[in-house]
PDB file of N, CA and C in Angstrom:
ATOM      1  N   MET A   1     -19.948 -59.128   5.199  1.00  0.00           N
ATOM      2  CA  MET A   1     -18.958 -58.065   5.078  1.00  0.00           C
ATOM      3  C   MET A   1     -18.654 -57.457   6.437  1.00  0.00           C
ATOM      4  N   LYS A   2     -19.687 -57.224   7.256  1.00  0.00           N
ATOM      5  CA  LYS A   2     -19.471 -56.640   8.580  1.00  0.00           C
ATOM      6  C   LYS A   2     -18.624 -57.574   9.449  1.00  0.00           C
ATOM      7  N   THR A   3     -18.827 -58.857   9.280  1.00  0.00           N
ATOM      8  CA  THR A   3     -18.052 -59.819  10.066  1.00  0.00           C
ATOM      9  C   THR A   3     -16.573 -59.741   9.702  1.00  0.00           C
ATOM     10  N   ALA A   4     -16.254 -59.599   8.427  1.00  0.00           N
ATOM     11  CA  ALA A   4     -14.867 -59.497   7.994  1.00  0.00           C
ATOM     12  C   ALA A   4     -14.224 -58.221   8.524  1.00  0.00           C
ATOM     13  N   ILE A   5     -14.935 -57.124   8.493  1.00  0.00           N
ATOM     14  CA  ILE A   5     -14.396 -55.849   8.997  1.00  0.00           C
ATOM     15  C   ILE A   5     -14.168 -55.940  10.500  1.00  0.00           C
ATOM     16  N   ARG A   6     -15.117 -56.539  11.200  1.00  0.00           N
ATOM     17  CA  ARG A   6     -14.981 -56.694  12.651  1.00  0.00           C
ATOM     18  C   ARG A   6     -13.780 -57.595  12.974  1.00  0.00           C
ATOM     19  N   PHE A   7     -13.572 -58.629  12.167  1.00  0.00           N
ATOM     20  CA  PHE A   7     -12.440 -59.536  12.367  1.00  0.00           C
ATOM     21  C   PHE A   7     -11.114 -58.810  12.159  1.00  0.00           C
ATOM     22  N   ILE A   8     -11.035 -57.954  11.166  1.00  0.00           N
ATOM     23  CA  ILE A   8      -9.804 -57.211  10.875  1.00  0.00           C
ATOM     24  C   ILE A   8      -9.503 -56.200  11.979  1.00  0.00           C
ATOM     25  N   LYS A   9     -10.543 -55.579  12.529  1.00  0.00           N
ATOM     26  CA  LYS A   9     -10.339 -54.568  13.575  1.00  0.00           C
ATOM     27  C   LYS A   9     -10.086 -55.186  14.946  1.00  0.00           C
ATOM     28  N   ASP A  10     -10.385 -56.464  15.120  1.00  0.00           N
ATOM     29  CA  ASP A  10     -10.222 -57.135  16.410  1.00  0.00           C
ATOM     30  C   ASP A  10      -8.734 -57.257  16.742  1.00  0.00           C
ATOM     31  N   GLU A  11      -8.322 -56.750  17.902  1.00  0.00           N
ATOM     32  CA  GLU A  11      -6.914 -56.779  18.297  1.00  0.00           C
ATOM     33  C   GLU A  11      -6.658 -57.692  19.486  1.00  0.00           C
ATOM     34  N   GLU A  12      -7.624 -58.509  19.854  1.00  0.00           N
ATOM     35  CA  GLU A  12      -7.427 -59.390  21.002  1.00  0.00           C
ATOM     36  C   GLU A  12      -6.313 -60.396  20.750  1.00  0.00           C
ATOM     37  N   GLY A  13      -6.201 -60.896  19.549  1.00  0.00           N
ATOM     38  CA  GLY A  13      -5.137 -61.841  19.224  1.00  0.00           C
ATOM     39  C   GLY A  13      -3.761 -61.218  19.365  1.00  0.00           C
ATOM     40  N   ALA A  14      -3.636 -59.967  18.952  1.00  0.00           N
ATOM     41  CA  ALA A  14      -2.353 -59.268  19.074  1.00  0.00           C
ATOM     42  C   ALA A  14      -1.973 -59.109  20.537  1.00  0.00           C
ATOM     43  N   THR A  15      -2.929 -58.828  21.382  1.00  0.00           N
ATOM     44  CA  THR A  15      -2.658 -58.685  22.811  1.00  0.00           C
ATOM     45  C   THR A  15      -2.188 -60.012  23.393  1.00  0.00           C
ATOM     46  N   ALA A  16      -2.820 -61.099  22.995  1.00  0.00           N
ATOM     47  CA  ALA A  16      -2.417 -62.412  23.487  1.00  0.00           C
ATOM     48  C   ALA A  16      -0.991 -62.742  23.048  1.00  0.00           C
ATOM     49  N   ILE A  17      -0.642 -62.390  21.836  1.00  0.00           N
ATOM     50  CA  ILE A  17       0.717 -62.630  21.345  1.00  0.00           C
ATOM     51  C   ILE A  17       1.717 -61.795  22.142  1.00  0.00           C
ATOM     52  N   GLU A  18       1.383 -60.562  22.436  1.00  0.00           N
ATOM     53  CA  GLU A  18       2.282 -59.711  23.224  1.00  0.00           C
ATOM     54  C   GLU A  18       2.502 -60.298  24.612  1.00  0.00           C
ATOM     55  N   TYR A  19       1.429 -60.764  25.252  1.00  0.00           N
ATOM     56  CA  TYR A  19       1.576 -61.386  26.565  1.00  0.00           C
ATOM     57  C   TYR A  19       2.426 -62.647  26.470  1.00  0.00           C
ATOM     58  N   GLY A  20       2.275 -63.393  25.404  1.00  0.00           N
ATOM     59  CA  GLY A  20       3.089 -64.587  25.211  1.00  0.00           C
ATOM     60  C   GLY A  20       4.558 -64.255  25.061  1.00  0.00           C
ATOM     61  N   LEU A  21       4.856 -63.199  24.316  1.00  0.00           N
ATOM     62  CA  LEU A  21       6.254 -62.779  24.147  1.00  0.00           C
ATOM     63  C   LEU A  21       6.852 -62.288  25.460  1.00  0.00           C
ATOM     64  N   ILE A  22       6.081 -61.565  26.234  1.00  0.00           N
ATOM     65  CA  ILE A  22       6.561 -61.091  27.538  1.00  0.00           C
ATOM     66  C   ILE A  22       6.834 -62.285  28.454  1.00  0.00           C
ATOM     67  N   ALA A  23       5.928 -63.251  28.474  1.00  0.00           N
ATOM     68  CA  ALA A  23       6.122 -64.441  29.305  1.00  0.00           C
ATOM     69  C   ALA A  23       7.363 -65.214  28.870  1.00  0.00           C
ATOM     70  N   ALA A  24       7.592 -65.312  27.566  1.00  0.00           N
ATOM     71  CA  ALA A  24       8.784 -66.010  27.071  1.00  0.00           C
ATOM     72  C   ALA A  24      10.054 -65.291  27.488  1.00  0.00           C
ATOM     73  N   LEU A  25      10.059 -63.970  27.413  1.00  0.00           N
ATOM     74  CA  LEU A  25      11.232 -63.190  27.812  1.00  0.00           C
ATOM     75  C   LEU A  25      11.515 -63.360  29.300  1.00  0.00           C
ATOM     76  N   ILE A  26      10.483 -63.320  30.111  1.00  0.00           N
ATOM     77  CA  ILE A  26      10.658 -63.512  31.555  1.00  0.00           C
ATOM     78  C   ILE A  26      11.189 -64.915  31.834  1.00  0.00           C
ATOM     79  N   SER A  27      10.692 -65.905  31.108  1.00  0.00           N
ATOM     80  CA  SER A  27      11.150 -67.281  31.299  1.00  0.00           C
ATOM     81  C   SER A  27      12.632 -67.429  30.960  1.00  0.00           C
ATOM     82  N   VAL A  28      13.042 -66.824  29.863  1.00  0.00           N
ATOM     83  CA  VAL A  28      14.461 -66.899  29.468  1.00  0.00           C
ATOM     84  C   VAL A  28      15.341 -66.220  30.515  1.00  0.00           C
ATOM     85  N   ALA A  29      14.915 -65.080  31.021  1.00  0.00           N
ATOM     86  CA  ALA A  29      15.688 -64.379  32.049  1.00  0.00           C
ATOM     87  C   ALA A  29      15.756 -65.204  33.335  1.00  0.00           C
ATOM     88  N   ALA A  30      14.642 -65.825  33.716  1.00  0.00           N
ATOM     89  CA  ALA A  30      14.616 -66.638  34.933  1.00  0.00           C
ATOM     90  C   ALA A  30      15.521 -67.860  34.792  1.00  0.00           C
ATOM     91  N   ILE A  31      15.496 -68.501  33.635  1.00  0.00           N
ATOM     92  CA  ILE A  31      16.353 -69.671  33.417  1.00  0.00           C
ATOM     93  C   ILE A  31      17.827 -69.271  33.494  1.00  0.00           C
ATOM     94  N   GLY A  32      18.165 -68.146  32.910  1.00  0.00           N
ATOM     95  CA  GLY A  32      19.545 -67.664  32.976  1.00  0.00           C
ATOM     96  C   GLY A  32      19.982 -67.376  34.401  1.00  0.00           C
ATOM     97  N   ALA A  33      19.121 -66.733  35.160  1.00  0.00           N
ATOM     98  CA  ALA A  33      19.453 -66.406  36.550  1.00  0.00           C
ATOM     99  C   ALA A  33      19.586 -67.668  37.395  1.00  0.00           C
ATOM    100  N   MET A  34      18.682 -68.617  37.191  1.00  0.00           N
ATOM    101  CA  MET A  34      18.733 -69.855  37.973  1.00  0.00           C
ATOM    102  C   MET A  34      19.959 -70.689  37.620  1.00  0.00           C
ATOM    103  N   THR A  35      20.354 -70.671  36.371  1.00  0.00           N
ATOM    104  CA  THR A  35      21.555 -71.398  35.958  1.00  0.00           C
ATOM    105  C   THR A  35      22.792 -70.811  36.626  1.00  0.00           C
ATOM    106  N   ALA A  36      22.897 -69.493  36.624  1.00  0.00           N
ATOM    107  CA  ALA A  36      24.039 -68.836  37.259  1.00  0.00           C
ATOM    108  C   ALA A  36      24.047 -69.095  38.761  1.00  0.00           C
ATOM    109  N   LEU A  37      22.891 -69.015  39.390  1.00  0.00           N
ATOM    110  CA  LEU A  37      22.789 -69.252  40.829  1.00  0.00           C
ATOM    111  C   LEU A  37      23.127 -70.704  41.150  1.00  0.00           C
ATOM    112  N   GLY A  38      22.677 -71.624  40.323  1.00  0.00           N
ATOM    113  CA  GLY A  38      22.971 -73.045  40.541  1.00  0.00           C
ATOM    114  C   GLY A  38      24.455 -73.325  40.484  1.00  0.00           C
ATOM    115  N   THR A  39      25.151 -72.696  39.556  1.00  0.00           N
ATOM    116  CA  THR A  39      26.599 -72.875  39.444  1.00  0.00           C
ATOM    117  C   THR A  39      27.306 -72.340  40.682  1.00  0.00           C
ATOM    118  N   GLN A  40      26.869 -71.187  41.157  1.00  0.00           N
ATOM    119  CA  GLN A  40      27.481 -70.602  42.354  1.00  0.00           C
ATOM    120  C   GLN A  40      27.220 -71.473  43.581  1.00  0.00           C
ATOM    121  N   LEU A  41      25.993 -72.009  43.687  1.00  0.00           N
ATOM    122  CA  LEU A  41      25.671 -72.868  44.828  1.00  0.00           C
ATOM    123  C   LEU A  41      26.488 -74.159  44.785  1.00  0.00           C
ATOM    124  N   SER A  42      26.667 -74.693  43.613  1.00  0.00           N
ATOM    125  CA  SER A  42      27.470 -75.913  43.477  1.00  0.00           C
ATOM    126  C   SER A  42      28.898 -75.666  43.948  1.00  0.00           C
ATOM    127  N   THR A  43      29.455 -74.550  43.552  1.00  0.00           N
ATOM    128  CA  THR A  43      30.810 -74.190  43.975  1.00  0.00           C
ATOM    129  C   THR A  43      30.872 -74.009  45.491  1.00  0.00           C
ATOM    130  N   LEU A  44      29.879 -73.344  46.053  1.00  0.00           N
ATOM    131  CA  LEU A  44      29.843 -73.117  47.497  1.00  0.00           C
ATOM    132  C   LEU A  44      29.766 -74.440  48.258  1.00  0.00           C
ATOM    133  N   PHE A  45      28.892 -75.343  47.841  1.00  0.00           N
ATOM    134  CA  PHE A  45      28.752 -76.625  48.529  1.00  0.00           C
ATOM    135  C   PHE A  45      30.018 -77.473  48.395  1.00  0.00           C
ATOM    136  N   THR A  46      30.687 -77.383  47.257  1.00  0.00           N
ATOM    137  CA  THR A  46      31.956 -78.109  47.084  1.00  0.00           C
ATOM    138  C   THR A  46      32.999 -77.563  48.047  1.00  0.00           C
ATOM    139  N   THR A  47      33.048 -76.247  48.204  1.00  0.00           N
ATOM    140  CA  THR A  47      33.991 -75.630  49.138  1.00  0.00           C
ATOM    141  C   THR A  47      33.697 -76.053  50.569  1.00  0.00           C
ATOM    142  N   VAL A  48      32.424 -76.056  50.947  1.00  0.00           N
ATOM    143  CA  VAL A  48      32.046 -76.465  52.321  1.00  0.00           C
ATOM    144  C   VAL A  48      32.386 -77.937  52.533  1.00  0.00           C
ATOM    145  N   LYS A  49      32.101 -78.773  51.554  1.00  0.00           N
ATOM    146  CA  LYS A  49      32.394 -80.207  51.648  1.00  0.00           C
ATOM    147  C   LYS A  49      33.892 -80.444  51.841  1.00  0.00           C
ATOM    148  N   THR A  50      34.699 -79.701  51.079  1.00  0.00           N
ATOM    149  CA  THR A  50      36.147 -79.832  51.176  1.00  0.00           C
ATOM    150  C   THR A  50      36.635 -79.375  52.546  1.00  0.00           C
ATOM    151  N   SER A  51      36.064 -78.296  53.060  1.00  0.00           N
ATOM    152  CA  SER A  51      36.474 -77.777  54.368  1.00  0.00           C
ATOM    153  C   SER A  51      36.101 -78.745  55.493  1.00  0.00           C
ATOM    154  N   LEU A  52      34.951 -79.382  55.375  1.00  0.00           N
ATOM    155  CA  LEU A  52      34.517 -80.308  56.419  1.00  0.00           C
ATOM    156  C   LEU A  52      35.294 -81.619  56.372  1.00  0.00           C
ATOM    157  N   ALA A  53      35.819 -81.976  55.222  1.00  0.00           N
ATOM    158  CA  ALA A  53      36.551 -83.229  55.086  1.00  0.00           C
ATOM    159  C   ALA A  53      37.955 -83.172  55.697  1.00  0.00           C
ATOM    160  N   ARG A  54      38.452 -82.005  56.001  1.00  0.00           N
ATOM    161  CA  ARG A  54      39.807 -81.877  56.550  1.00  0.00           C
ATOM    162  C   ARG A  54      39.903 -82.364  57.944  1.00  0.00           C
TER     163      ARG A  54
END
């Protein structure tokens, strides 16, 4: 019985889940930022390539 009560009161699993959710949110934000930056860099390099080809 004491083991079951101790298991119910244990919150370490909840903390691990919270850290996992935070890591997932940061990952999604980083992927979004890198995608936007990649598109801008592609446009910039295309512009430079076009300017050098003249």
